Amino acid sequence: MQEGASSQDAIAATRSASGPHLYRARDLIKRFFNRIKHCRRVATCYDKLAANYLAFVQLASKRLWLRVSESTT
């Protein structure tokens, strides 16, 4: 019970210390990485070379960006 209370206090302290703008930006980045992990290849790191992995992360990011921009127009 004590550990849960301390972690909630830590989260509340982080939110108040960083301000609403930084918290919103951090939340946006967390949501982006959560969506990009839906690609199995990104989540499991099948690629042996870092360049190949980075290329696929960029490809998945562009795919996500196109999907979002298509739904807003």
N, C-alpha and C. Protein backbone atom coordinates (compact mmCIF):
# COMPACT_ATOMS: atom_id res chain seq x y z
N MET A 1 0.81 -1.18 0.00
CA MET A 1 0.00 0.00 0.00
C MET A 1 0.86 1.26 0.00
N GLN A 2 1.94 1.23 0.75
CA GLN A 2 2.83 2.38 0.85
C GLN A 2 3.51 2.67 -0.48
N GLU A 3 3.89 1.60 -1.23
CA GLU A 3 4.57 1.81 -2.50
C GLU A 3 3.66 2.47 -3.52
N GLY A 4 2.39 2.11 -3.54
CA GLY A 4 1.44 2.71 -4.48
C GLY A 4 1.24 4.19 -4.20
N ALA A 5 1.19 4.54 -2.94
CA ALA A 5 1.00 5.95 -2.56
C ALA A 5 2.22 6.77 -2.94
N SER A 6 3.41 6.22 -2.76
CA SER A 6 4.61 6.97 -3.08
C SER A 6 4.76 7.16 -4.58
N SER A 7 4.36 6.18 -5.39
CA SER A 7 4.46 6.34 -6.84
C SER A 7 3.45 7.36 -7.34
N GLN A 8 2.26 7.38 -6.74
CA GLN A 8 1.27 8.39 -7.12
C GLN A 8 1.73 9.78 -6.73
N ASP A 9 2.38 9.90 -5.59
CA ASP A 9 2.93 11.19 -5.18
C ASP A 9 4.02 11.64 -6.14
N ALA A 10 4.83 10.69 -6.60
CA ALA A 10 5.90 11.02 -7.53
C ALA A 10 5.34 11.51 -8.86
N ILE A 11 4.27 10.87 -9.32
CA ILE A 11 3.64 11.29 -10.58
C ILE A 11 3.05 12.68 -10.43
N ALA A 12 2.38 12.92 -9.32
CA ALA A 12 1.79 14.25 -9.08
C ALA A 12 2.88 15.31 -8.98
N ALA A 13 4.00 14.98 -8.34
CA ALA A 13 5.09 15.95 -8.22
C ALA A 13 5.70 16.24 -9.58
N THR A 14 5.81 15.23 -10.43
CA THR A 14 6.36 15.42 -11.76
C THR A 14 5.45 16.33 -12.58
N ARG A 15 4.16 16.12 -12.49
CA ARG A 15 3.22 16.95 -13.24
C ARG A 15 3.28 18.41 -12.79
N SER A 16 3.32 18.62 -11.49
CA SER A 16 3.31 20.00 -11.00
C SER A 16 4.65 20.70 -11.22
N ALA A 17 5.76 19.96 -11.16
CA ALA A 17 7.07 20.58 -11.32
C ALA A 17 7.35 20.96 -12.77
N SER A 18 6.85 20.19 -13.71
CA SER A 18 7.16 20.46 -15.11
C SER A 18 6.21 21.45 -15.75
N GLY A 19 5.05 21.62 -15.20
CA GLY A 19 4.09 22.54 -15.77
C GLY A 19 3.22 21.85 -16.80
N PRO A 20 2.08 22.44 -17.11
CA PRO A 20 1.14 21.78 -18.02
C PRO A 20 1.65 21.65 -19.45
N HIS A 21 2.45 22.63 -19.91
CA HIS A 21 2.94 22.58 -21.29
C HIS A 21 3.92 21.42 -21.47
N LEU A 22 4.87 21.28 -20.57
CA LEU A 22 5.83 20.19 -20.69
C LEU A 22 5.18 18.83 -20.46
N TYR A 23 4.23 18.78 -19.56
CA TYR A 23 3.53 17.52 -19.32
C TYR A 23 2.75 17.10 -20.57
N ARG A 24 2.12 18.04 -21.24
CA ARG A 24 1.38 17.74 -22.46
C ARG A 24 2.32 17.26 -23.56
N ALA A 25 3.47 17.90 -23.69
CA ALA A 25 4.44 17.49 -24.70
C ALA A 25 4.98 16.09 -24.41
N ARG A 26 5.27 15.81 -23.14
CA ARG A 26 5.77 14.48 -22.77
C ARG A 26 4.69 13.42 -23.03
N ASP A 27 3.44 13.75 -22.74
CA ASP A 27 2.35 12.82 -22.98
C ASP A 27 2.19 12.54 -24.47
N LEU A 28 2.36 13.55 -25.30
CA LEU A 28 2.27 13.38 -26.74
C LEU A 28 3.35 12.43 -27.24
N ILE A 29 4.56 12.56 -26.72
CA ILE A 29 5.66 11.69 -27.13
C ILE A 29 5.41 10.25 -26.67
N LYS A 30 4.90 10.09 -25.45
CA LYS A 30 4.58 8.74 -24.96
C LYS A 30 3.51 8.09 -25.81
N ARG A 31 2.50 8.85 -26.21
CA ARG A 31 1.45 8.29 -27.05
C ARG A 31 1.98 7.91 -28.42
N PHE A 32 2.90 8.72 -28.96
CA PHE A 32 3.49 8.41 -30.25
C PHE A 32 4.24 7.08 -30.20
N PHE A 33 5.07 6.90 -29.18
CA PHE A 33 5.82 5.66 -29.08
C PHE A 33 4.91 4.47 -28.81
N ASN A 34 3.83 4.68 -28.10
CA ASN A 34 2.87 3.60 -27.88
C ASN A 34 2.23 3.18 -29.21
N ARG A 35 1.90 4.14 -30.05
CA ARG A 35 1.30 3.80 -31.34
C ARG A 35 2.30 3.15 -32.28
N ILE A 36 3.54 3.61 -32.22
CA ILE A 36 4.54 3.05 -33.13
C ILE A 36 4.92 1.62 -32.74
N LYS A 37 4.71 1.27 -31.48
CA LYS A 37 5.01 -0.09 -31.03
C LYS A 37 3.98 -1.10 -31.51
N HIS A 38 2.91 -0.64 -32.11
CA HIS A 38 1.94 -1.57 -32.68
C HIS A 38 2.53 -2.31 -33.87
N CYS A 39 3.54 -1.74 -34.49
CA CYS A 39 4.26 -2.45 -35.55
C CYS A 39 5.14 -3.50 -34.88
N ARG A 40 4.90 -4.73 -35.18
CA ARG A 40 5.61 -5.82 -34.51
C ARG A 40 7.12 -5.72 -34.73
N ARG A 41 7.50 -5.31 -35.89
CA ARG A 41 8.94 -5.24 -36.20
C ARG A 41 9.65 -4.20 -35.33
N VAL A 42 8.99 -3.11 -35.00
CA VAL A 42 9.58 -2.09 -34.14
C VAL A 42 9.62 -2.58 -32.70
N ALA A 43 8.55 -3.22 -32.26
CA ALA A 43 8.45 -3.64 -30.86
C ALA A 43 9.43 -4.75 -30.51
N THR A 44 9.73 -5.62 -31.47
CA THR A 44 10.59 -6.77 -31.16
C THR A 44 12.03 -6.62 -31.63
N CYS A 45 12.34 -5.59 -32.36
CA CYS A 45 13.72 -5.31 -32.83
C CYS A 45 14.31 -6.49 -33.61
N TYR A 46 13.64 -6.90 -34.68
CA TYR A 46 14.14 -8.00 -35.50
C TYR A 46 15.43 -7.65 -36.23
N ASP A 47 15.60 -6.39 -36.56
CA ASP A 47 16.76 -5.99 -37.36
C ASP A 47 18.04 -6.06 -36.54
N LYS A 48 19.09 -6.56 -37.18
CA LYS A 48 20.38 -6.68 -36.49
C LYS A 48 21.18 -5.38 -36.56
N LEU A 49 21.01 -4.65 -37.63
CA LEU A 49 21.76 -3.40 -37.79
C LEU A 49 20.92 -2.21 -37.33
N ALA A 50 21.56 -1.30 -36.65
CA ALA A 50 20.87 -0.11 -36.13
C ALA A 50 20.31 0.73 -37.26
N ALA A 51 21.00 0.79 -38.39
CA ALA A 51 20.54 1.59 -39.52
C ALA A 51 19.23 1.04 -40.08
N ASN A 52 19.12 -0.28 -40.14
CA ASN A 52 17.88 -0.89 -40.62
C ASN A 52 16.73 -0.64 -39.66
N TYR A 53 17.01 -0.73 -38.37
CA TYR A 53 15.98 -0.49 -37.37
C TYR A 53 15.52 0.96 -37.42
N LEU A 54 16.45 1.88 -37.54
CA LEU A 54 16.11 3.30 -37.62
C LEU A 54 15.28 3.58 -38.87
N ALA A 55 15.64 2.95 -39.98
CA ALA A 55 14.88 3.15 -41.22
C ALA A 55 13.44 2.66 -41.05
N PHE A 56 13.25 1.54 -40.37
CA PHE A 56 11.89 1.05 -40.19
C PHE A 56 11.11 1.92 -39.20
N VAL A 57 11.77 2.44 -38.19
CA VAL A 57 11.10 3.36 -37.27
C VAL A 57 10.66 4.61 -38.02
N GLN A 58 11.51 5.11 -38.91
CA GLN A 58 11.14 6.27 -39.71
C GLN A 58 9.98 5.96 -40.65
N LEU A 59 9.99 4.77 -41.23
CA LEU A 59 8.91 4.36 -42.12
C LEU A 59 7.59 4.24 -41.35
N ALA A 60 7.63 3.65 -40.18
CA ALA A 60 6.43 3.52 -39.35
C ALA A 60 5.93 4.90 -38.91
N SER A 61 6.86 5.81 -38.62
CA SER A 61 6.47 7.17 -38.22
C SER A 61 5.76 7.89 -39.36
N LYS A 62 6.29 7.75 -40.55
CA LYS A 62 5.67 8.39 -41.71
C LYS A 62 4.30 7.80 -41.99
N ARG A 63 4.19 6.50 -41.84
CA ARG A 63 2.89 5.84 -42.04
C ARG A 63 1.86 6.36 -41.03
N LEU A 64 2.28 6.48 -39.80
CA LEU A 64 1.39 7.00 -38.75
C LEU A 64 1.02 8.45 -39.04
N TRP A 65 2.00 9.25 -39.47
CA TRP A 65 1.74 10.65 -39.77
C TRP A 65 0.76 10.79 -40.93
N LEU A 66 0.91 9.94 -41.97
CA LEU A 66 0.00 10.00 -43.10
C LEU A 66 -1.41 9.59 -42.69
N ARG A 67 -1.51 8.61 -41.81
CA ARG A 67 -2.82 8.18 -41.36
C ARG A 67 -3.51 9.30 -40.58
N VAL A 68 -2.76 10.00 -39.74
CA VAL A 68 -3.34 11.08 -38.94
C VAL A 68 -3.70 12.27 -39.81
N SER A 69 -2.81 12.62 -40.74
CA SER A 69 -3.09 13.77 -41.60
C SER A 69 -4.25 13.49 -42.56
N GLU A 70 -4.42 12.23 -42.94
CA GLU A 70 -5.52 11.88 -43.83
C GLU A 70 -6.86 11.99 -43.10
N SER A 71 -6.88 11.64 -41.82
CA SER A 71 -8.13 11.68 -41.08
C SER A 71 -8.55 13.10 -40.71
N THR A 72 -7.61 14.04 -40.71
CA THR A 72 -7.95 15.42 -40.35
C THR A 72 -8.38 16.25 -41.55
N THR A 73 -8.15 15.76 -42.75
CA THR A 73 -8.54 16.54 -43.94
C THR A 73 -9.85 16.12 -44.49
